[in-house]
Amino acid sequence: INFMGWFRQAPGKGREFVAAISWSA
């Protein structure tokens, strides 16, 4: 793992980036 991220998908919409964090720093 370099980055862990969160995405979200609302009804009828594509997958959207929400946030990401580097595992180390």
mmCIF file of all heavy atoms, coordinates in Angstrom:
data_MODEL
# 
_entry.id   MODEL 
# 
loop_
_atom_site.group_PDB 
_atom_site.id 
_atom_site.type_symbol 
_atom_site.label_atom_id 
_atom_site.label_alt_id 
_atom_site.label_comp_id 
_atom_site.label_asym_id 
_atom_site.label_entity_id 
_atom_site.label_seq_id 
_atom_site.pdbx_PDB_ins_code 
_atom_site.Cartn_x 
_atom_site.Cartn_y 
_atom_site.Cartn_z 
_atom_site.occupancy 
_atom_site.B_iso_or_equiv 
_atom_site.pdbx_formal_charge 
_atom_site.auth_seq_id 
_atom_site.auth_comp_id 
_atom_site.auth_asym_id 
_atom_site.auth_atom_id 
_atom_site.pdbx_PDB_model_num 
ATOM 1   N N   . ILE A 1 1  ? 0.835   -1.195 0.000   1.00 0.00 ? 1  ILE A N   1 
ATOM 2   C CA  . ILE A 1 1  ? 0.000   0.000  0.000   1.00 0.00 ? 1  ILE A CA  1 
ATOM 3   C C   . ILE A 1 1  ? 0.871   1.247  0.000   1.00 0.00 ? 1  ILE A C   1 
ATOM 4   O O   . ILE A 1 1  ? 1.633   1.472  0.929   1.00 0.00 ? 1  ILE A O   1 
ATOM 5   C CB  . ILE A 1 1  ? -0.946  0.031  1.212   1.00 0.00 ? 1  ILE A CB  1 
ATOM 6   C CG1 . ILE A 1 1  ? -1.899  -1.162 1.196   1.00 0.00 ? 1  ILE A CG1 1 
ATOM 7   C CG2 . ILE A 1 1  ? -1.733  1.338  1.217   1.00 0.00 ? 1  ILE A CG2 1 
ATOM 8   C CD1 . ILE A 1 1  ? -2.814  -1.232 2.409   1.00 0.00 ? 1  ILE A CD1 1 
ATOM 9   N N   . ASN A 1 2  ? 0.732   2.059  -1.037  1.00 0.00 ? 2  ASN A N   1 
ATOM 10  C CA  . ASN A 1 2  ? 1.344   3.374  -1.065  1.00 0.00 ? 2  ASN A CA  1 
ATOM 11  C C   . ASN A 1 2  ? 0.323   4.425  -0.628  1.00 0.00 ? 2  ASN A C   1 
ATOM 12  O O   . ASN A 1 2  ? 0.578   5.237  0.256   1.00 0.00 ? 2  ASN A O   1 
ATOM 13  C CB  . ASN A 1 2  ? 1.880   3.699  -2.458  1.00 0.00 ? 2  ASN A CB  1 
ATOM 14  C CG  . ASN A 1 2  ? 2.765   4.931  -2.465  1.00 0.00 ? 2  ASN A CG  1 
ATOM 15  O OD1 . ASN A 1 2  ? 3.063   5.515  -1.417  1.00 0.00 ? 2  ASN A OD1 1 
ATOM 16  N ND2 . ASN A 1 2  ? 3.206   5.342  -3.659  1.00 0.00 ? 2  ASN A ND2 1 
ATOM 17  N N   . PHE A 1 3  ? -0.875  4.385  -1.254  1.00 0.00 ? 3  PHE A N   1 
ATOM 18  C CA  . PHE A 1 3  ? -1.978  5.254  -0.871  1.00 0.00 ? 3  PHE A CA  1 
ATOM 19  C C   . PHE A 1 3  ? -3.225  4.419  -0.631  1.00 0.00 ? 3  PHE A C   1 
ATOM 20  O O   . PHE A 1 3  ? -3.474  3.430  -1.335  1.00 0.00 ? 3  PHE A O   1 
ATOM 21  C CB  . PHE A 1 3  ? -2.293  6.286  -1.957  1.00 0.00 ? 3  PHE A CB  1 
ATOM 22  C CG  . PHE A 1 3  ? -1.432  7.505  -1.911  1.00 0.00 ? 3  PHE A CG  1 
ATOM 23  C CD1 . PHE A 1 3  ? -0.164  7.502  -2.454  1.00 0.00 ? 3  PHE A CD1 1 
ATOM 24  C CD2 . PHE A 1 3  ? -1.907  8.676  -1.328  1.00 0.00 ? 3  PHE A CD2 1 
ATOM 25  C CE1 . PHE A 1 3  ? 0.634   8.640  -2.414  1.00 0.00 ? 3  PHE A CE1 1 
ATOM 26  C CE2 . PHE A 1 3  ? -1.114  9.817  -1.280  1.00 0.00 ? 3  PHE A CE2 1 
ATOM 27  C CZ  . PHE A 1 3  ? 0.157   9.800  -1.824  1.00 0.00 ? 3  PHE A CZ  1 
ATOM 28  N N   . MET A 1 4  ? -4.002  4.821  0.347   1.00 0.00 ? 4  MET A N   1 
ATOM 29  C CA  . MET A 1 4  ? -5.342  4.315  0.532   1.00 0.00 ? 4  MET A CA  1 
ATOM 30  C C   . MET A 1 4  ? -6.306  5.437  0.169   1.00 0.00 ? 4  MET A C   1 
ATOM 31  O O   . MET A 1 4  ? -6.104  6.582  0.574   1.00 0.00 ? 4  MET A O   1 
ATOM 32  C CB  . MET A 1 4  ? -5.587  3.851  1.967   1.00 0.00 ? 4  MET A CB  1 
ATOM 33  C CG  . MET A 1 4  ? -7.009  3.355  2.212   1.00 0.00 ? 4  MET A CG  1 
ATOM 34  S SD  . MET A 1 4  ? -7.259  2.703  3.887   1.00 0.00 ? 4  MET A SD  1 
ATOM 35  C CE  . MET A 1 4  ? -6.444  1.100  3.722   1.00 0.00 ? 4  MET A CE  1 
ATOM 36  N N   . GLY A 1 5  ? -7.330  5.110  -0.604  1.00 0.00 ? 5  GLY A N   1 
ATOM 37  C CA  . GLY A 1 5  ? -8.274  6.113  -1.054  1.00 0.00 ? 5  GLY A CA  1 
ATOM 38  C C   . GLY A 1 5  ? -9.710  5.725  -0.780  1.00 0.00 ? 5  GLY A C   1 
ATOM 39  O O   . GLY A 1 5  ? -10.020 4.565  -0.497  1.00 0.00 ? 5  GLY A O   1 
ATOM 40  N N   . TRP A 1 6  ? -10.576 6.727  -0.838  1.00 0.00 ? 6  TRP A N   1 
ATOM 41  C CA  . TRP A 1 6  ? -12.013 6.528  -0.741  1.00 0.00 ? 6  TRP A CA  1 
ATOM 42  C C   . TRP A 1 6  ? -12.677 7.101  -1.989  1.00 0.00 ? 6  TRP A C   1 
ATOM 43  O O   . TRP A 1 6  ? -12.369 8.215  -2.416  1.00 0.00 ? 6  TRP A O   1 
ATOM 44  C CB  . TRP A 1 6  ? -12.593 7.215  0.498   1.00 0.00 ? 6  TRP A CB  1 
ATOM 45  C CG  . TRP A 1 6  ? -12.216 6.554  1.786   1.00 0.00 ? 6  TRP A CG  1 
ATOM 46  C CD1 . TRP A 1 6  ? -11.132 6.822  2.566   1.00 0.00 ? 6  TRP A CD1 1 
ATOM 47  C CD2 . TRP A 1 6  ? -12.938 5.514  2.455   1.00 0.00 ? 6  TRP A CD2 1 
ATOM 48  N NE1 . TRP A 1 6  ? -11.124 6.014  3.675   1.00 0.00 ? 6  TRP A NE1 1 
ATOM 49  C CE2 . TRP A 1 6  ? -12.224 5.209  3.632   1.00 0.00 ? 6  TRP A CE2 1 
ATOM 50  C CE3 . TRP A 1 6  ? -14.113 4.821  2.181   1.00 0.00 ? 6  TRP A CE3 1 
ATOM 51  C CZ2 . TRP A 1 6  ? -12.655 4.225  4.533   1.00 0.00 ? 6  TRP A CZ2 1 
ATOM 52  C CZ3 . TRP A 1 6  ? -14.546 3.845  3.062   1.00 0.00 ? 6  TRP A CZ3 1 
ATOM 53  C CH2 . TRP A 1 6  ? -13.812 3.556  4.224   1.00 0.00 ? 6  TRP A CH2 1 
ATOM 54  N N   . PHE A 1 7  ? -13.587 6.329  -2.561  1.00 0.00 ? 7  PHE A N   1 
ATOM 55  C CA  . PHE A 1 7  ? -14.410 6.740  -3.680  1.00 0.00 ? 7  PHE A CA  1 
ATOM 56  C C   . PHE A 1 7  ? -15.866 6.574  -3.298  1.00 0.00 ? 7  PHE A C   1 
ATOM 57  O O   . PHE A 1 7  ? -16.193 5.848  -2.358  1.00 0.00 ? 7  PHE A O   1 
ATOM 58  C CB  . PHE A 1 7  ? -14.107 5.897  -4.924  1.00 0.00 ? 7  PHE A CB  1 
ATOM 59  C CG  . PHE A 1 7  ? -12.770 6.160  -5.551  1.00 0.00 ? 7  PHE A CG  1 
ATOM 60  C CD1 . PHE A 1 7  ? -11.602 5.691  -4.973  1.00 0.00 ? 7  PHE A CD1 1 
ATOM 61  C CD2 . PHE A 1 7  ? -12.674 6.880  -6.731  1.00 0.00 ? 7  PHE A CD2 1 
ATOM 62  C CE1 . PHE A 1 7  ? -10.366 5.930  -5.547  1.00 0.00 ? 7  PHE A CE1 1 
ATOM 63  C CE2 . PHE A 1 7  ? -11.445 7.127  -7.323  1.00 0.00 ? 7  PHE A CE2 1 
ATOM 64  C CZ  . PHE A 1 7  ? -10.294 6.654  -6.727  1.00 0.00 ? 7  PHE A CZ  1 
ATOM 65  N N   . ARG A 1 8  ? -16.738 7.247  -4.038  1.00 0.00 ? 8  ARG A N   1 
ATOM 66  C CA  . ARG A 1 8  ? -18.172 7.072  -3.802  1.00 0.00 ? 8  ARG A CA  1 
ATOM 67  C C   . ARG A 1 8  ? -18.918 7.054  -5.121  1.00 0.00 ? 8  ARG A C   1 
ATOM 68  O O   . ARG A 1 8  ? -18.477 7.636  -6.107  1.00 0.00 ? 8  ARG A O   1 
ATOM 69  C CB  . ARG A 1 8  ? -18.729 8.171  -2.887  1.00 0.00 ? 8  ARG A CB  1 
ATOM 70  C CG  . ARG A 1 8  ? -18.666 9.577  -3.465  1.00 0.00 ? 8  ARG A CG  1 
ATOM 71  C CD  . ARG A 1 8  ? -19.082 10.597 -2.411  1.00 0.00 ? 8  ARG A CD  1 
ATOM 72  N NE  . ARG A 1 8  ? -19.072 11.957 -2.928  1.00 0.00 ? 8  ARG A NE  1 
ATOM 73  C CZ  . ARG A 1 8  ? -19.275 13.041 -2.185  1.00 0.00 ? 8  ARG A CZ  1 
ATOM 74  N NH1 . ARG A 1 8  ? -19.510 12.917 -0.879  1.00 0.00 ? 8  ARG A NH1 1 
ATOM 75  N NH2 . ARG A 1 8  ? -19.253 14.253 -2.743  1.00 0.00 ? 8  ARG A NH2 1 
ATOM 76  N N   . GLN A 1 9  ? -20.046 6.369  -5.117  1.00 0.00 ? 9  GLN A N   1 
ATOM 77  C CA  . GLN A 1 9  ? -20.866 6.274  -6.308  1.00 0.00 ? 9  GLN A CA  1 
ATOM 78  C C   . GLN A 1 9  ? -22.327 6.465  -5.929  1.00 0.00 ? 9  GLN A C   1 
ATOM 79  O O   . GLN A 1 9  ? -22.901 5.647  -5.213  1.00 0.00 ? 9  GLN A O   1 
ATOM 80  C CB  . GLN A 1 9  ? -20.674 4.931  -7.014  1.00 0.00 ? 9  GLN A CB  1 
ATOM 81  C CG  . GLN A 1 9  ? -21.368 4.844  -8.368  1.00 0.00 ? 9  GLN A CG  1 
ATOM 82  C CD  . GLN A 1 9  ? -20.848 3.695  -9.212  1.00 0.00 ? 9  GLN A CD  1 
ATOM 83  O OE1 . GLN A 1 9  ? -20.266 2.743  -8.696  1.00 0.00 ? 9  GLN A OE1 1 
ATOM 84  N NE2 . GLN A 1 9  ? -21.028 3.788  -10.513 1.00 0.00 ? 9  GLN A NE2 1 
ATOM 85  N N   . ALA A 1 10 ? -22.902 7.567  -6.398  1.00 0.00 ? 10 ALA A N   1 
ATOM 86  C CA  . ALA A 1 10 ? -24.305 7.862  -6.166  1.00 0.00 ? 10 ALA A CA  1 
ATOM 87  C C   . ALA A 1 10 ? -25.145 7.179  -7.235  1.00 0.00 ? 10 ALA A C   1 
ATOM 88  O O   . ALA A 1 10 ? -24.643 6.848  -8.314  1.00 0.00 ? 10 ALA A O   1 
ATOM 89  C CB  . ALA A 1 10 ? -24.534 9.370  -6.185  1.00 0.00 ? 10 ALA A CB  1 
ATOM 90  N N   . PRO A 1 11 ? -26.440 6.971  -6.962  1.00 0.00 ? 11 PRO A N   1 
ATOM 91  C CA  . PRO A 1 11 ? -27.307 6.323  -7.952  1.00 0.00 ? 11 PRO A CA  1 
ATOM 92  C C   . PRO A 1 11 ? -27.287 7.045  -9.293  1.00 0.00 ? 11 PRO A C   1 
ATOM 93  O O   . PRO A 1 11 ? -27.449 8.261  -9.362  1.00 0.00 ? 11 PRO A O   1 
ATOM 94  C CB  . PRO A 1 11 ? -28.689 6.407  -7.304  1.00 0.00 ? 11 PRO A CB  1 
ATOM 95  C CG  . PRO A 1 11 ? -28.408 6.433  -5.835  1.00 0.00 ? 11 PRO A CG  1 
ATOM 96  C CD  . PRO A 1 11 ? -27.152 7.254  -5.710  1.00 0.00 ? 11 PRO A CD  1 
ATOM 97  N N   . GLY A 1 12 ? -27.046 6.298  -10.365 1.00 0.00 ? 12 GLY A N   1 
ATOM 98  C CA  . GLY A 1 12 ? -27.039 6.862  -11.697 1.00 0.00 ? 12 GLY A CA  1 
ATOM 99  C C   . GLY A 1 12 ? -25.809 7.665  -12.061 1.00 0.00 ? 12 GLY A C   1 
ATOM 100 O O   . GLY A 1 12 ? -25.768 8.272  -13.136 1.00 0.00 ? 12 GLY A O   1 
ATOM 101 N N   . LYS A 1 13 ? -24.794 7.678  -11.189 1.00 0.00 ? 13 LYS A N   1 
ATOM 102 C CA  . LYS A 1 13 ? -23.587 8.444  -11.456 1.00 0.00 ? 13 LYS A CA  1 
ATOM 103 C C   . LYS A 1 13 ? -22.356 7.542  -11.439 1.00 0.00 ? 13 LYS A C   1 
ATOM 104 O O   . LYS A 1 13 ? -22.399 6.417  -10.952 1.00 0.00 ? 13 LYS A O   1 
ATOM 105 C CB  . LYS A 1 13 ? -23.427 9.559  -10.425 1.00 0.00 ? 13 LYS A CB  1 
ATOM 106 C CG  . LYS A 1 13 ? -24.539 10.596 -10.445 1.00 0.00 ? 13 LYS A CG  1 
ATOM 107 C CD  . LYS A 1 13 ? -24.275 11.714 -9.456  1.00 0.00 ? 13 LYS A CD  1 
ATOM 108 C CE  . LYS A 1 13 ? -25.364 12.770 -9.509  1.00 0.00 ? 13 LYS A CE  1 
ATOM 109 N NZ  . LYS A 1 13 ? -25.100 13.863 -8.538  1.00 0.00 ? 13 LYS A NZ  1 
ATOM 110 N N   . GLY A 1 14 ? -21.264 8.066  -11.963 1.00 0.00 ? 14 GLY A N   1 
ATOM 111 C CA  . GLY A 1 14 ? -20.023 7.334  -11.977 1.00 0.00 ? 14 GLY A CA  1 
ATOM 112 C C   . GLY A 1 14 ? -19.315 7.369  -10.632 1.00 0.00 ? 14 GLY A C   1 
ATOM 113 O O   . GLY A 1 14 ? -19.720 8.082  -9.715  1.00 0.00 ? 14 GLY A O   1 
ATOM 114 N N   . ARG A 1 15 ? -18.268 6.602  -10.522 1.00 0.00 ? 15 ARG A N   1 
ATOM 115 C CA  . ARG A 1 15 ? -17.501 6.540  -9.288  1.00 0.00 ? 15 ARG A CA  1 
ATOM 116 C C   . ARG A 1 15 ? -16.645 7.805  -9.156  1.00 0.00 ? 15 ARG A C   1 
ATOM 117 O O   . ARG A 1 15 ? -15.877 8.151  -10.060 1.00 0.00 ? 15 ARG A O   1 
ATOM 118 C CB  . ARG A 1 15 ? -16.632 5.288  -9.267  1.00 0.00 ? 15 ARG A CB  1 
ATOM 119 C CG  . ARG A 1 15 ? -16.006 4.996  -7.920  1.00 0.00 ? 15 ARG A CG  1 
ATOM 120 C CD  . ARG A 1 15 ? -15.495 3.555  -7.860  1.00 0.00 ? 15 ARG A CD  1 
ATOM 121 N NE  . ARG A 1 15 ? -16.579 2.590  -7.971  1.00 0.00 ? 15 ARG A NE  1 
ATOM 122 C CZ  . ARG A 1 15 ? -16.438 1.277  -7.836  1.00 0.00 ? 15 ARG A CZ  1 
ATOM 123 N NH1 . ARG A 1 15 ? -15.241 0.773  -7.590  1.00 0.00 ? 15 ARG A NH1 1 
ATOM 124 N NH2 . ARG A 1 15 ? -17.480 0.478  -7.971  1.00 0.00 ? 15 ARG A NH2 1 
ATOM 125 N N   . GLU A 1 16 ? -16.767 8.485  -8.016  1.00 0.00 ? 16 GLU A N   1 
ATOM 126 C CA  . GLU A 1 16 ? -16.123 9.768  -7.782  1.00 0.00 ? 16 GLU A CA  1 
ATOM 127 C C   . GLU A 1 16 ? -15.060 9.653  -6.700  1.00 0.00 ? 16 GLU A C   1 
ATOM 128 O O   . GLU A 1 16 ? -15.296 9.069  -5.637  1.00 0.00 ? 16 GLU A O   1 
ATOM 129 C CB  . GLU A 1 16 ? -17.168 10.818 -7.358  1.00 0.00 ? 16 GLU A CB  1 
ATOM 130 C CG  . GLU A 1 16 ? -16.588 12.176 -6.994  1.00 0.00 ? 16 GLU A CG  1 
ATOM 131 C CD  . GLU A 1 16 ? -17.597 13.086 -6.316  1.00 0.00 ? 16 GLU A CD  1 
ATOM 132 O OE1 . GLU A 1 16 ? -18.535 12.568 -5.668  1.00 0.00 ? 16 GLU A OE1 1 
ATOM 133 O OE2 . GLU A 1 16 ? -17.458 14.313 -6.437  1.00 0.00 ? 16 GLU A OE2 1 
ATOM 134 N N   . PHE A 1 17 ? -13.892 10.239 -6.951  1.00 0.00 ? 17 PHE A N   1 
ATOM 135 C CA  . PHE A 1 17 ? -12.836 10.305 -5.950  1.00 0.00 ? 17 PHE A CA  1 
ATOM 136 C C   . PHE A 1 17 ? -13.258 11.193 -4.790  1.00 0.00 ? 17 PHE A C   1 
ATOM 137 O O   . PHE A 1 17 ? -13.814 12.272 -4.990  1.00 0.00 ? 17 PHE A O   1 
ATOM 138 C CB  . PHE A 1 17 ? -11.551 10.855 -6.572  1.00 0.00 ? 17 PHE A CB  1 
ATOM 139 C CG  . PHE A 1 17 ? -10.473 11.158 -5.579  1.00 0.00 ? 17 PHE A CG  1 
ATOM 140 C CD1 . PHE A 1 17 ? -9.706  10.145 -5.020  1.00 0.00 ? 17 PHE A CD1 1 
ATOM 141 C CD2 . PHE A 1 17 ? -10.212 12.466 -5.200  1.00 0.00 ? 17 PHE A CD2 1 
ATOM 142 C CE1 . PHE A 1 17 ? -8.708  10.421 -4.108  1.00 0.00 ? 17 PHE A CE1 1 
ATOM 143 C CE2 . PHE A 1 17 ? -9.216  12.756 -4.287  1.00 0.00 ? 17 PHE A CE2 1 
ATOM 144 C CZ  . PHE A 1 17 ? -8.461  11.723 -3.734  1.00 0.00 ? 17 PHE A CZ  1 
ATOM 145 N N   . VAL A 1 18 ? -12.977 10.753 -3.573  1.00 0.00 ? 18 VAL A N   1 
ATOM 146 C CA  . VAL A 1 18 ? -13.311 11.514 -2.377  1.00 0.00 ? 18 VAL A CA  1 
ATOM 147 C C   . VAL A 1 18 ? -12.057 11.989 -1.658  1.00 0.00 ? 18 VAL A C   1 
ATOM 148 O O   . VAL A 1 18 ? -11.889 13.179 -1.391  1.00 0.00 ? 18 VAL A O   1 
ATOM 149 C CB  . VAL A 1 18 ? -14.184 10.694 -1.411  1.00 0.00 ? 18 VAL A CB  1 
ATOM 150 C CG1 . VAL A 1 18 ? -14.469 11.488 -0.137  1.00 0.00 ? 18 VAL A CG1 1 
ATOM 151 C CG2 . VAL A 1 18 ? -15.488 10.281 -2.091  1.00 0.00 ? 18 VAL A CG2 1 
ATOM 152 N N   . ALA A 1 19 ? -11.165 11.064 -1.318  1.00 0.00 ? 19 ALA A N   1 
ATOM 153 C CA  . ALA A 1 19 ? -9.969  11.405 -0.554  1.00 0.00 ? 19 ALA A CA  1 
ATOM 154 C C   . ALA A 1 19 ? -8.945  10.295 -0.675  1.00 0.00 ? 19 ALA A C   1 
ATOM 155 O O   . ALA A 1 19 ? -9.276  9.156  -0.995  1.00 0.00 ? 19 ALA A O   1 
ATOM 156 C CB  . ALA A 1 19 ? -10.318 11.639 0.924   1.00 0.00 ? 19 ALA A CB  1 
ATOM 157 N N   . ALA A 1 20 ? -7.685  10.628 -0.401  1.00 0.00 ? 20 ALA A N   1 
ATOM 158 C CA  . ALA A 1 20 ? -6.611  9.639  -0.388  1.00 0.00 ? 20 ALA A CA  1 
ATOM 159 C C   . ALA A 1 20 ? -5.565  10.043 0.636   1.00 0.00 ? 20 ALA A C   1 
ATOM 160 O O   . ALA A 1 20 ? -5.403  11.233 0.943   1.00 0.00 ? 20 ALA A O   1 
ATOM 161 C CB  . ALA A 1 20 ? -5.972  9.498  -1.771  1.00 0.00 ? 20 ALA A CB  1 
ATOM 162 N N   . ILE A 1 21 ? -4.853  9.057  1.169   1.00 0.00 ? 21 ILE A N   1 
ATOM 163 C CA  . ILE A 1 21 ? -3.806  9.307  2.149   1.00 0.00 ? 21 ILE A CA  1 
ATOM 164 C C   . ILE A 1 21 ? -2.644  8.369  1.895   1.00 0.00 ? 21 ILE A C   1 
ATOM 165 O O   . ILE A 1 21 ? -2.837  7.182  1.617   1.00 0.00 ? 21 ILE A O   1 
ATOM 166 C CB  . ILE A 1 21 ? -4.355  9.151  3.592   1.00 0.00 ? 21 ILE A CB  1 
ATOM 167 C CG1 . ILE A 1 21 ? -3.286  9.528  4.621   1.00 0.00 ? 21 ILE A CG1 1 
ATOM 168 C CG2 . ILE A 1 21 ? -4.865  7.727  3.843   1.00 0.00 ? 21 ILE A CG2 1 
ATOM 169 C CD1 . ILE A 1 21 ? -3.841  9.673  6.033   1.00 0.00 ? 21 ILE A CD1 1 
ATOM 170 N N   . SER A 1 22 ? -1.417  8.891  1.979   1.00 0.00 ? 22 SER A N   1 
ATOM 171 C CA  . SER A 1 22 ? -0.248  8.034  1.844   1.00 0.00 ? 22 SER A CA  1 
ATOM 172 C C   . SER A 1 22 ? -0.082  7.217  3.118   1.00 0.00 ? 22 SER A C   1 
ATOM 173 O O   . SER A 1 22 ? -0.263  7.724  4.231   1.00 0.00 ? 22 SER A O   1 
ATOM 174 C CB  . SER A 1 22 ? 1.010   8.849  1.548   1.00 0.00 ? 22 SER A CB  1 
ATOM 175 O OG  . SER A 1 22 ? 1.361   9.688  2.632   1.00 0.00 ? 22 SER A OG  1 
ATOM 176 N N   . TRP A 1 23 ? 0.253   5.947  2.944   1.00 0.00 ? 23 TRP A N   1 
ATOM 177 C CA  . TRP A 1 23 ? 0.334   5.046  4.080   1.00 0.00 ? 23 TRP A CA  1 
ATOM 178 C C   . TRP A 1 23 ? 1.498   5.377  4.994   1.00 0.00 ? 23 TRP A C   1 
ATOM 179 O O   . TRP A 1 23 ? 1.429   5.147  6.206   1.00 0.00 ? 23 TRP A O   1 
ATOM 180 C CB  . TRP A 1 23 ? 0.439   3.603  3.589   1.00 0.00 ? 23 TRP A CB  1 
ATOM 181 C CG  . TRP A 1 23 ? -0.038  2.600  4.583   1.00 0.00 ? 23 TRP A CG  1 
ATOM 182 C CD1 . TRP A 1 23 ? 0.720   1.656  5.222   1.00 0.00 ? 23 TRP A CD1 1 
ATOM 183 C CD2 . TRP A 1 23 ? -1.371  2.431  5.052   1.00 0.00 ? 23 TRP A CD2 1 
ATOM 184 N NE1 . TRP A 1 23 ? -0.070  0.915  6.064   1.00 0.00 ? 23 TRP A NE1 1 
ATOM 185 C CE2 . TRP A 1 23 ? -1.363  1.363  5.981   1.00 0.00 ? 23 TRP A CE2 1 
ATOM 186 C CE3 . TRP A 1 23 ? -2.588  3.073  4.776   1.00 0.00 ? 23 TRP A CE3 1 
ATOM 187 C CZ2 . TRP A 1 23 ? -2.509  0.935  6.637   1.00 0.00 ? 23 TRP A CZ2 1 
ATOM 188 C CZ3 . TRP A 1 23 ? -3.720  2.646  5.435   1.00 0.00 ? 23 TRP A CZ3 1 
ATOM 189 C CH2 . TRP A 1 23 ? -3.679  1.589  6.351   1.00 0.00 ? 23 TRP A CH2 1 
ATOM 190 N N   . SER A 1 24 ? 2.572   5.912  4.436   1.00 0.00 ? 24 SER A N   1 
ATOM 191 C CA  . SER A 1 24 ? 3.764   6.215  5.217   1.00 0.00 ? 24 SER A CA  1 
ATOM 192 C C   . SER A 1 24 ? 3.700   7.594  5.871   1.00 0.00 ? 24 SER A C   1 
ATOM 193 O O   . SER A 1 24 ? 3.601   7.710  7.095   1.00 0.00 ? 24 SER A O   1 
ATOM 194 C CB  . SER A 1 24 ? 5.015   6.099  4.340   1.00 0.00 ? 24 SER A CB  1 
ATOM 195 O OG  . SER A 1 24 ? 4.922   6.931  3.201   1.00 0.00 ? 24 SER A OG  1 
ATOM 196 N N   . ALA A 1 25 ? 3.731   8.651  5.063   1.00 0.00 ? 25 ALA A N   1 
ATOM 197 C CA  . ALA A 1 25 ? 3.819   10.009 5.589   1.00 0.00 ? 25 ALA A CA  1 
ATOM 198 C C   . ALA A 1 25 ? 2.478   10.600 6.007   1.00 0.00 ? 25 ALA A C   1 
ATOM 199 O O   . ALA A 1 25 ? 2.441   11.586 6.741   1.00 0.00 ? 25 ALA A O   1 
ATOM 200 C CB  . ALA A 1 25 ? 4.482   10.930 4.576   1.00 0.00 ? 25 ALA A CB  1 
# 
